[in-house]
Amino acid sequence: MKKNNENPIILLGFQRSGTTVFAHKLSEAFDVDNGLFSVNGKLMYYLQRWLTMKDIDYRHLRVDEILFSLKRRVPGGIGIERYLYQVEKVLREVAIDVAEGYQGNELELGRRIVSESYKGFTRWGDKYNEYLQIFSYLNNVVPDAKYILMFRDPYDVASSVMEWEGDRPWRPLSVPGNLTKWVSWHSEAIEQITALSKERYLVVEYQRLCEGIENDRLSNFIGIEIAPYLKELVPRRKRVEHPRLTEEVKEVWDKLQRIN
């Protein structure tokens, strides 16, 4: 198994694809040697939305809005309190620098914020579903990151989304709506991720993860023996065949299967 704690690990995936449960397992594994895997850390998503050259030019970086959003649904994972403390510290420092006339650009500032937010951890990683929408930004702000793209049967995803409880006004309420959204989130991301060198990405099906089939590949990719942390991971739905996939959904599903 290749040892590697130099590269951040970013976990990507559509909602209800198993990313959250897997992220918590990664959090346990990273914590063993003082690493941190944040579950829904969200920071880079907010930076992409809130940190622009216009904000810098106006000397008015709304880090209070970012901090409010982070605390509205607090990220998870072992050691998250330390992460949140460091995030707040660097955001407040950066806001002052911008107000005083920071002369760099938003990419340099984003790299500084991310680097200092995870400072002191032997290794780090993060999961947030919406990262799948901003892959180009991630690749620029964390240029040494490695990516795990997790995917799940689109019909299982649709069923799980529609059964989901809680306040999620953005979720589709029909199977066709969910399948169309599933396609839109994966299509561009597949092309962007597979354009990287093979050493920087891994594509994993959730069902195969639960069956233990991906343990060796994941361990080599992450640099941690992952099998002990996945013993209790089981799929909630039985694998079924879906011969009536629409052409659009089938095309994306087949691509994911091939690069898997």
C-alpha atoms as a PDB file:
ATOM      1  CA  MET A   1       0.000   0.000   0.000  1.00  0.00           C
ATOM      2  CA  LYS A   2       1.342   3.397  -0.971  1.00  0.00           C
ATOM      3  CA  LYS A   3       1.742   5.755   1.970  1.00  0.00           C
ATOM      4  CA  ASN A   4       0.706   9.298   1.175  1.00  0.00           C
ATOM      5  CA  ASN A   5      -0.379  12.012   3.558  1.00  0.00           C
ATOM      6  CA  GLU A   6       0.680  14.918   1.376  1.00  0.00           C
ATOM      7  CA  ASN A   7      -2.387  15.245  -0.825  1.00  0.00           C
ATOM      8  CA  PRO A   8      -5.776  16.392   0.475  1.00  0.00           C
ATOM      9  CA  ILE A   9      -8.597  13.961  -0.314  1.00  0.00           C
ATOM     10  CA  ILE A  10     -11.817  15.506  -1.616  1.00  0.00           C
ATOM     11  CA  LEU A  11     -14.861  13.240  -1.647  1.00  0.00           C
ATOM     12  CA  LEU A  12     -17.372  14.080  -4.367  1.00  0.00           C
ATOM     13  CA  GLY A  13     -20.833  12.721  -4.997  1.00  0.00           C
ATOM     14  CA  PHE A  14     -24.492  13.475  -5.570  1.00  0.00           C
ATOM     15  CA  GLN A  15     -26.899  13.569  -2.621  1.00  0.00           C
ATOM     16  CA  ARG A  16     -27.886  10.156  -1.219  1.00  0.00           C
ATOM     17  CA  SER A  17     -24.946   8.416  -2.887  1.00  0.00           C
ATOM     18  CA  GLY A  18     -23.360   7.199   0.342  1.00  0.00           C
ATOM     19  CA  THR A  19     -20.882  10.038   0.657  1.00  0.00           C
ATOM     20  CA  THR A  20     -21.840  11.114   4.172  1.00  0.00           C
ATOM     21  CA  VAL A  21     -21.556   7.690   5.763  1.00  0.00           C
ATOM     22  CA  PHE A  22     -18.259   7.062   3.951  1.00  0.00           C
ATOM     23  CA  ALA A  23     -16.975  10.509   4.963  1.00  0.00           C
ATOM     24  CA  HIS A  24     -17.518   9.659   8.640  1.00  0.00           C
ATOM     25  CA  LYS A  25     -15.509   6.457   8.155  1.00  0.00           C
ATOM     26  CA  LEU A  26     -12.724   8.509   6.584  1.00  0.00           C
ATOM     27  CA  SER A  27     -12.914  10.867   9.559  1.00  0.00           C
ATOM     28  CA  GLU A  28     -12.272   7.942  11.907  1.00  0.00           C
ATOM     29  CA  ALA A  29      -9.349   6.740   9.786  1.00  0.00           C
ATOM     30  CA  PHE A  30      -7.741  10.174   9.444  1.00  0.00           C
ATOM     31  CA  ASP A  31      -8.032  10.878  13.174  1.00  0.00           C
ATOM     32  CA  VAL A  32      -5.727   7.997  14.094  1.00  0.00           C
ATOM     33  CA  ASP A  33      -2.600   9.962  13.155  1.00  0.00           C
ATOM     34  CA  ASN A  34      -3.913  13.472  13.918  1.00  0.00           C
ATOM     35  CA  GLY A  35      -5.464  14.007  10.535  1.00  0.00           C
ATOM     36  CA  LEU A  36      -8.855  15.567   9.834  1.00  0.00           C
ATOM     37  CA  PHE A  37     -11.528  14.618   7.384  1.00  0.00           C
ATOM     38  CA  SER A  38     -14.318  17.174   7.644  1.00  0.00           C
ATOM     39  CA  VAL A  39     -17.818  16.006   6.785  1.00  0.00           C
ATOM     40  CA  ASN A  40     -19.604  18.805   4.928  1.00  0.00           C
ATOM     41  CA  GLY A  41     -16.819  21.258   5.706  1.00  0.00           C
ATOM     42  CA  LYS A  42     -18.328  23.444   2.950  1.00  0.00           C
ATOM     43  CA  LEU A  43     -15.622  26.107   3.140  1.00  0.00           C
ATOM     44  CA  MET A  44     -14.519  25.957  -0.493  1.00  0.00           C
ATOM     45  CA  TYR A  45     -18.115  26.092  -1.708  1.00  0.00           C
ATOM     46  CA  TYR A  46     -18.674  29.327   0.212  1.00  0.00           C
ATOM     47  CA  LEU A  47     -15.363  30.815  -0.926  1.00  0.00           C
ATOM     48  CA  GLN A  48     -16.272  30.177  -4.547  1.00  0.00           C
ATOM     49  CA  ARG A  49     -19.573  32.004  -3.990  1.00  0.00           C
ATOM     50  CA  TRP A  50     -18.455  34.816  -1.679  1.00  0.00           C
ATOM     51  CA  LEU A  51     -14.807  35.527  -2.436  1.00  0.00           C
ATOM     52  CA  THR A  52     -14.556  37.387  -5.746  1.00  0.00           C
ATOM     53  CA  MET A  53     -12.365  40.137  -7.162  1.00  0.00           C
ATOM     54  CA  LYS A  54     -15.318  42.516  -6.779  1.00  0.00           C
ATOM     55  CA  ASP A  55     -15.318  41.851  -3.034  1.00  0.00           C
ATOM     56  CA  ILE A  56     -11.579  42.498  -2.914  1.00  0.00           C
ATOM     57  CA  ASP A  57     -11.869  45.665  -5.016  1.00  0.00           C
ATOM     58  CA  TYR A  58     -14.604  46.988  -2.729  1.00  0.00           C
ATOM     59  CA  ARG A  59     -12.486  46.006   0.314  1.00  0.00           C
ATOM     60  CA  HIS A  60     -15.559  44.325   1.743  1.00  0.00           C
ATOM     61  CA  LEU A  61     -15.233  40.596   2.280  1.00  0.00           C
ATOM     62  CA  ARG A  62     -18.391  39.262   3.962  1.00  0.00           C
ATOM     63  CA  VAL A  63     -16.786  36.590   6.094  1.00  0.00           C
ATOM     64  CA  ASP A  64     -19.571  37.067   8.636  1.00  0.00           C
ATOM     65  CA  GLU A  65     -21.951  35.577   6.069  1.00  0.00           C
ATOM     66  CA  ILE A  66     -19.608  32.627   5.488  1.00  0.00           C
ATOM     67  CA  LEU A  67     -19.286  32.016   9.230  1.00  0.00           C
ATOM     68  CA  PHE A  68     -23.045  32.202   9.694  1.00  0.00           C
ATOM     69  CA  SER A  69     -23.560  29.660   6.908  1.00  0.00           C
ATOM     70  CA  LEU A  70     -20.947  27.308   8.371  1.00  0.00           C
ATOM     71  CA  LYS A  71     -22.651  27.396  11.758  1.00  0.00           C
ATOM     72  CA  ARG A  72     -26.210  27.067  10.414  1.00  0.00           C
ATOM     73  CA  ARG A  73     -25.556  23.392   9.703  1.00  0.00           C
ATOM     74  CA  VAL A  74     -22.369  22.623  11.600  1.00  0.00           C
ATOM     75  CA  PRO A  75     -19.911  20.336   9.767  1.00  0.00           C
ATOM     76  CA  GLY A  76     -19.206  16.907  11.227  1.00  0.00           C
ATOM     77  CA  GLY A  77     -16.204  14.707  11.769  1.00  0.00           C
ATOM     78  CA  ILE A  78     -13.719  14.063  14.564  1.00  0.00           C
ATOM     79  CA  GLY A  79     -11.768  17.208  15.414  1.00  0.00           C
ATOM     80  CA  ILE A  80     -14.224  19.546  13.726  1.00  0.00           C
ATOM     81  CA  GLU A  81     -14.117  22.042  16.610  1.00  0.00           C
ATOM     82  CA  ARG A  82     -10.448  22.732  15.924  1.00  0.00           C
ATOM     83  CA  TYR A  83     -11.180  23.114  12.220  1.00  0.00           C
ATOM     84  CA  LEU A  84     -13.976  25.615  12.851  1.00  0.00           C
ATOM     85  CA  TYR A  85     -11.776  27.601  15.226  1.00  0.00           C
ATOM     86  CA  GLN A  86      -9.034  27.838  12.597  1.00  0.00           C
ATOM     87  CA  VAL A  87     -11.517  28.730   9.858  1.00  0.00           C
ATOM     88  CA  GLU A  88     -12.936  31.593  11.876  1.00  0.00           C
ATOM     89  CA  LYS A  89      -9.490  32.856  12.846  1.00  0.00           C
ATOM     90  CA  VAL A  90      -8.170  33.012   9.294  1.00  0.00           C
ATOM     91  CA  LEU A  91     -11.407  34.438   7.853  1.00  0.00           C
ATOM     92  CA  ARG A  92     -11.365  37.298  10.328  1.00  0.00           C
ATOM     93  CA  GLU A  93      -7.696  37.994   9.570  1.00  0.00           C
ATOM     94  CA  VAL A  94      -8.348  37.948   5.833  1.00  0.00           C
ATOM     95  CA  ALA A  95     -11.345  40.285   6.154  1.00  0.00           C
ATOM     96  CA  ILE A  96      -9.109  42.859   7.832  1.00  0.00           C
ATOM     97  CA  ASP A  97      -6.419  42.443   5.156  1.00  0.00           C
ATOM     98  CA  VAL A  98      -9.004  43.014   2.416  1.00  0.00           C
ATOM     99  CA  ALA A  99     -10.429  46.066   4.204  1.00  0.00           C
ATOM    100  CA  GLU A 100      -6.907  47.491   4.456  1.00  0.00           C
ATOM    101  CA  GLY A 101      -6.269  47.096   0.719  1.00  0.00           C
ATOM    102  CA  TYR A 102      -5.140  43.548  -0.085  1.00  0.00           C
ATOM    103  CA  GLN A 103      -3.344  43.559  -3.455  1.00  0.00           C
ATOM    104  CA  GLY A 104      -3.563  39.899  -4.490  1.00  0.00           C
ATOM    105  CA  ASN A 105      -6.319  37.983  -6.240  1.00  0.00           C
ATOM    106  CA  GLU A 106      -9.166  35.794  -5.073  1.00  0.00           C
ATOM    107  CA  LEU A 107      -7.366  32.546  -5.926  1.00  0.00           C
ATOM    108  CA  GLU A 108      -4.326  33.400  -3.801  1.00  0.00           C
ATOM    109  CA  LEU A 109      -6.600  34.400  -0.947  1.00  0.00           C
ATOM    110  CA  GLY A 110      -8.669  31.232  -1.275  1.00  0.00           C
ATOM    111  CA  ARG A 111      -5.535  29.093  -1.117  1.00  0.00           C
ATOM    112  CA  ARG A 112      -4.381  30.886   1.999  1.00  0.00           C
ATOM    113  CA  ILE A 113      -7.743  30.435   3.737  1.00  0.00           C
ATOM    114  CA  VAL A 114      -7.955  26.730   2.958  1.00  0.00           C
ATOM    115  CA  SER A 115      -4.333  26.078   3.887  1.00  0.00           C
ATOM    116  CA  GLU A 116      -4.574  27.815   7.256  1.00  0.00           C
ATOM    117  CA  SER A 117      -7.969  26.286   8.051  1.00  0.00           C
ATOM    118  CA  TYR A 118      -6.436  22.800   7.923  1.00  0.00           C
ATOM    119  CA  LYS A 119      -3.058  23.840   9.330  1.00  0.00           C
ATOM    120  CA  GLY A 120      -1.418  21.456  11.788  1.00  0.00           C
ATOM    121  CA  PHE A 121      -3.216  18.306  10.676  1.00  0.00           C
ATOM    122  CA  THR A 122      -1.008  15.509   9.361  1.00  0.00           C
ATOM    123  CA  ARG A 123      -3.445  14.952   6.518  1.00  0.00           C
ATOM    124  CA  TRP A 124      -6.824  16.393   5.630  1.00  0.00           C
ATOM    125  CA  GLY A 125      -9.818  15.903   3.438  1.00  0.00           C
ATOM    126  CA  ASP A 126     -13.355  17.140   3.008  1.00  0.00           C
ATOM    127  CA  LYS A 127     -16.717  16.066   1.638  1.00  0.00           C
ATOM    128  CA  TYR A 128     -19.560  18.272   0.480  1.00  0.00           C
ATOM    129  CA  ASN A 129     -22.020  17.232  -2.204  1.00  0.00           C
ATOM    130  CA  GLU A 130     -22.109  20.625  -3.887  1.00  0.00           C
ATOM    131  CA  TYR A 131     -18.367  20.385  -4.564  1.00  0.00           C
ATOM    132  CA  LEU A 132     -19.425  18.350  -7.587  1.00  0.00           C
ATOM    133  CA  GLN A 133     -20.699  21.620  -9.073  1.00  0.00           C
ATOM    134  CA  ILE A 134     -17.460  23.591  -8.644  1.00  0.00           C
ATOM    135  CA  PHE A 135     -14.757  21.137  -9.640  1.00  0.00           C
ATOM    136  CA  SER A 136     -12.718  23.669 -11.621  1.00  0.00           C
ATOM    137  CA  TYR A 137     -12.547  25.958  -8.590  1.00  0.00           C
ATOM    138  CA  LEU A 138     -11.486  23.101  -6.318  1.00  0.00           C
ATOM    139  CA  ASN A 139      -8.737  22.125  -8.711  1.00  0.00           C
ATOM    140  CA  ASN A 140      -7.406  25.674  -8.665  1.00  0.00           C
ATOM    141  CA  VAL A 141      -7.672  26.423  -4.959  1.00  0.00           C
ATOM    142  CA  VAL A 142      -6.282  23.024  -3.873  1.00  0.00           C
ATOM    143  CA  PRO A 143      -4.046  22.115  -6.822  1.00  0.00           C
ATOM    144  CA  ASP A 144      -2.548  19.048  -5.119  1.00  0.00           C
ATOM    145  CA  ALA A 145      -5.894  17.481  -4.143  1.00  0.00           C
ATOM    146  CA  LYS A 146      -6.890  13.926  -5.002  1.00  0.00           C
ATOM    147  CA  TYR A 147     -10.539  13.102  -5.673  1.00  0.00           C
ATOM    148  CA  ILE A 148     -12.832  10.223  -4.895  1.00  0.00           C
ATOM    149  CA  LEU A 149     -16.037  10.355  -6.922  1.00  0.00           C
ATOM    150  CA  MET A 150     -18.690   8.128  -5.401  1.00  0.00           C
ATOM    151  CA  PHE A 151     -21.771   7.243  -7.402  1.00  0.00           C
ATOM    152  CA  ARG A 152     -24.856   5.156  -6.805  1.00  0.00           C
ATOM    153  CA  ASP A 153     -27.591   3.590  -8.899  1.00  0.00           C
ATOM    154  CA  PRO A 154     -29.700   6.564 -10.087  1.00  0.00           C
ATOM    155  CA  TYR A 155     -33.010   4.896  -9.201  1.00  0.00           C
ATOM    156  CA  ASP A 156     -31.765   4.148  -5.686  1.00  0.00           C
ATOM    157  CA  VAL A 157     -30.737   7.798  -5.435  1.00  0.00           C
ATOM    158  CA  ALA A 158     -34.146   8.984  -6.626  1.00  0.00           C
ATOM    159  CA  SER A 159     -35.977   6.766  -4.137  1.00  0.00           C
ATOM    160  CA  SER A 160     -33.726   7.862  -1.288  1.00  0.00           C
ATOM    161  CA  VAL A 161     -34.096  11.558  -2.109  1.00  0.00           C
ATOM    162  CA  MET A 162     -37.882  11.314  -2.167  1.00  0.00           C
ATOM    163  CA  GLU A 163     -37.892   9.500   1.195  1.00  0.00           C
ATOM    164  CA  TRP A 164     -35.539  12.076   2.750  1.00  0.00           C
ATOM    165  CA  GLU A 165     -36.899  13.965   5.721  1.00  0.00           C
ATOM    166  CA  GLY A 166     -36.064  17.510   6.726  1.00  0.00           C
ATOM    167  CA  ASP A 167     -36.140  20.946   5.142  1.00  0.00           C
ATOM    168  CA  ARG A 168     -34.607  20.480   1.690  1.00  0.00           C
ATOM    169  CA  PRO A 169     -36.567  22.738  -0.669  1.00  0.00           C
ATOM    170  CA  TRP A 170     -34.176  22.091  -3.560  1.00  0.00           C
ATOM    171  CA  ARG A 171     -34.959  18.374  -3.893  1.00  0.00           C
ATOM    172  CA  PRO A 172     -37.057  17.041  -6.802  1.00  0.00           C
ATOM    173  CA  LEU A 173     -40.252  15.250  -5.800  1.00  0.00           C
ATOM    174  CA  SER A 174     -40.550  12.953  -8.823  1.00  0.00           C
ATOM    175  CA  VAL A 175     -38.421  10.143 -10.258  1.00  0.00           C
ATOM    176  CA  PRO A 176     -37.942  11.919 -13.634  1.00  0.00           C
ATOM    177  CA  GLY A 177     -36.941  15.118 -11.842  1.00  0.00           C
ATOM    178  CA  ASN A 178     -34.371  13.277  -9.752  1.00  0.00           C
ATOM    179  CA  LEU A 179     -32.932  11.393 -12.718  1.00  0.00           C
ATOM    180  CA  THR A 180     -32.549  14.596 -14.726  1.00  0.00           C
ATOM    181  CA  LYS A 181     -30.815  16.298 -11.821  1.00  0.00           C
ATOM    182  CA  TRP A 182     -28.564  13.260 -11.330  1.00  0.00           C
ATOM    183  CA  VAL A 183     -27.486  13.485 -14.970  1.00  0.00           C
ATOM    184  CA  SER A 184     -26.837  17.237 -14.789  1.00  0.00           C
ATOM    185  CA  TRP A 185     -24.582  16.895 -11.749  1.00  0.00           C
ATOM    186  CA  HIS A 186     -22.490  14.069 -13.183  1.00  0.00           C
ATOM    187  CA  SER A 187     -22.112  14.885 -16.887  1.00  0.00           C
ATOM    188  CA  GLU A 188     -19.653  17.774 -16.712  1.00  0.00           C
ATOM    189  CA  ALA A 189     -17.902  16.478 -13.588  1.00  0.00           C
ATOM    190  CA  ILE A 190     -17.016  13.184 -15.296  1.00  0.00           C
ATOM    191  CA  GLU A 191     -15.237  15.004 -18.106  1.00  0.00           C
ATOM    192  CA  GLN A 192     -13.390  17.332 -15.730  1.00  0.00           C
ATOM    193  CA  ILE A 193     -12.257  14.645 -13.320  1.00  0.00           C
ATOM    194  CA  THR A 194     -11.108  12.150 -15.931  1.00  0.00           C
ATOM    195  CA  ALA A 195      -9.015  14.885 -17.555  1.00  0.00           C
ATOM    196  CA  LEU A 196      -6.699  14.644 -14.530  1.00  0.00           C
ATOM    197  CA  SER A 197      -3.846  12.179 -14.312  1.00  0.00           C
ATOM    198  CA  LYS A 198      -4.990   8.732 -13.182  1.00  0.00           C
ATOM    199  CA  GLU A 199      -3.099   9.104  -9.892  1.00  0.00           C
ATOM    200  CA  ARG A 200      -5.389  11.959  -8.838  1.00  0.00           C
ATOM    201  CA  TYR A 201      -8.845  10.414  -9.009  1.00  0.00           C
ATOM    202  CA  LEU A 202     -10.738   7.281  -8.108  1.00  0.00           C
ATOM    203  CA  VAL A 203     -14.324   6.486  -9.079  1.00  0.00           C
ATOM    204  CA  VAL A 204     -16.202   4.169  -6.704  1.00  0.00           C
ATOM    205  CA  GLU A 205     -19.702   2.721  -6.798  1.00  0.00           C
ATOM    206  CA  TYR A 206     -21.400   2.785  -3.390  1.00  0.00           C
ATOM    207  CA  GLN A 207     -22.694  -0.785  -3.683  1.00  0.00           C
ATOM    208  CA  ARG A 208     -19.189  -2.095  -4.366  1.00  0.00           C
ATOM    209  CA  LEU A 209     -17.856  -0.065  -1.444  1.00  0.00           C
ATOM    210  CA  CYS A 210     -20.364  -1.729   0.891  1.00  0.00           C
ATOM    211  CA  GLU A 211     -19.444  -5.149  -0.465  1.00  0.00           C
ATOM    212  CA  GLY A 212     -15.761  -4.577   0.359  1.00  0.00           C
ATOM    213  CA  ILE A 213     -14.713  -4.858  -3.277  1.00  0.00           C
ATOM    214  CA  GLU A 214     -13.041  -1.424  -3.299  1.00  0.00           C
ATOM    215  CA  ASN A 215     -10.985  -1.756  -0.092  1.00  0.00           C
ATOM    216  CA  ASP A 216      -7.612  -2.334  -1.740  1.00  0.00           C
ATOM    217  CA  ARG A 217      -8.019   0.397  -4.334  1.00  0.00           C
ATOM    218  CA  LEU A 218      -9.142   2.884  -1.701  1.00  0.00           C
ATOM    219  CA  SER A 219      -6.347   1.967   0.708  1.00  0.00           C
ATOM    220  CA  ASN A 220      -3.693   2.456  -1.963  1.00  0.00           C
ATOM    221  CA  PHE A 221      -5.250   5.724  -3.110  1.00  0.00           C
ATOM    222  CA  ILE A 222      -5.659   7.262   0.350  1.00  0.00           C
ATOM    223  CA  GLY A 223      -2.586   5.785   1.998  1.00  0.00           C
ATOM    224  CA  ILE A 224      -4.565   4.258   4.886  1.00  0.00           C
ATOM    225  CA  GLU A 225      -5.697   0.663   5.410  1.00  0.00           C
ATOM    226  CA  ILE A 226      -9.390   1.416   5.119  1.00  0.00           C
ATOM    227  CA  ALA A 227     -11.002  -2.040   5.502  1.00  0.00           C
ATOM    228  CA  PRO A 228     -11.191  -1.984   9.338  1.00  0.00           C
ATOM    229  CA  TYR A 229     -13.315   1.177   9.202  1.00  0.00           C
ATOM    230  CA  LEU A 230     -15.827  -0.190   6.687  1.00  0.00           C
ATOM    231  CA  LYS A 231     -16.807  -3.468   8.375  1.00  0.00           C
ATOM    232  CA  GLU A 232     -20.279  -2.271   9.366  1.00  0.00           C
ATOM    233  CA  LEU A 233     -21.030  -0.500   6.105  1.00  0.00           C
ATOM    234  CA  VAL A 234     -23.931  -2.210   4.333  1.00  0.00           C
ATOM    235  CA  PRO A 235     -26.220  -1.097   1.495  1.00  0.00           C
ATOM    236  CA  ARG A 236     -29.801  -0.334   2.477  1.00  0.00           C
ATOM    237  CA  ARG A 237     -31.219  -1.405  -0.864  1.00  0.00           C
ATOM    238  CA  LYS A 238     -30.684  -4.581  -2.873  1.00  0.00           C
ATOM    239  CA  ARG A 239     -28.980  -4.296  -6.239  1.00  0.00           C
ATOM    240  CA  VAL A 240     -31.519  -4.437  -9.080  1.00  0.00           C
ATOM    241  CA  GLU A 241     -31.395  -4.110 -12.850  1.00  0.00           C
ATOM    242  CA  HIS A 242     -33.059  -1.154 -14.574  1.00  0.00           C
ATOM    243  CA  PRO A 243     -33.507  -2.065 -18.249  1.00  0.00           C
ATOM    244  CA  ARG A 244     -35.653   0.982 -18.935  1.00  0.00           C
ATOM    245  CA  LEU A 245     -33.124   3.703 -18.206  1.00  0.00           C
ATOM    246  CA  THR A 246     -33.609   6.655 -20.524  1.00  0.00           C
ATOM    247  CA  GLU A 247     -30.835   7.129 -23.068  1.00  0.00           C
ATOM    248  CA  GLU A 248     -29.551  10.221 -21.246  1.00  0.00           C
ATOM    249  CA  VAL A 249     -29.342   8.472 -17.871  1.00  0.00           C
ATOM    250  CA  LYS A 250     -27.918   5.283 -19.375  1.00  0.00           C
ATOM    251  CA  GLU A 251     -25.115   7.201 -21.074  1.00  0.00           C
ATOM    252  CA  VAL A 252     -23.936   8.745 -17.800  1.00  0.00           C
ATOM    253  CA  TRP A 253     -24.416   5.487 -15.864  1.00  0.00           C
ATOM    254  CA  ASP A 254     -22.352   3.586 -18.453  1.00  0.00           C
ATOM    255  CA  LYS A 255     -19.562   6.164 -18.318  1.00  0.00           C
ATOM    256  CA  LEU A 256     -19.374   5.901 -14.524  1.00  0.00           C
ATOM    257  CA  GLN A 257     -19.283   2.119 -14.753  1.00  0.00           C
ATOM    258  CA  ARG A 258     -16.506   2.175 -17.328  1.00  0.00           C
ATOM    259  CA  ILE A 259     -14.197   4.485 -15.396  1.00  0.00           C
ATOM    260  CA  ASN A 260     -14.969   2.507 -12.242  1.00  0.00           C
END
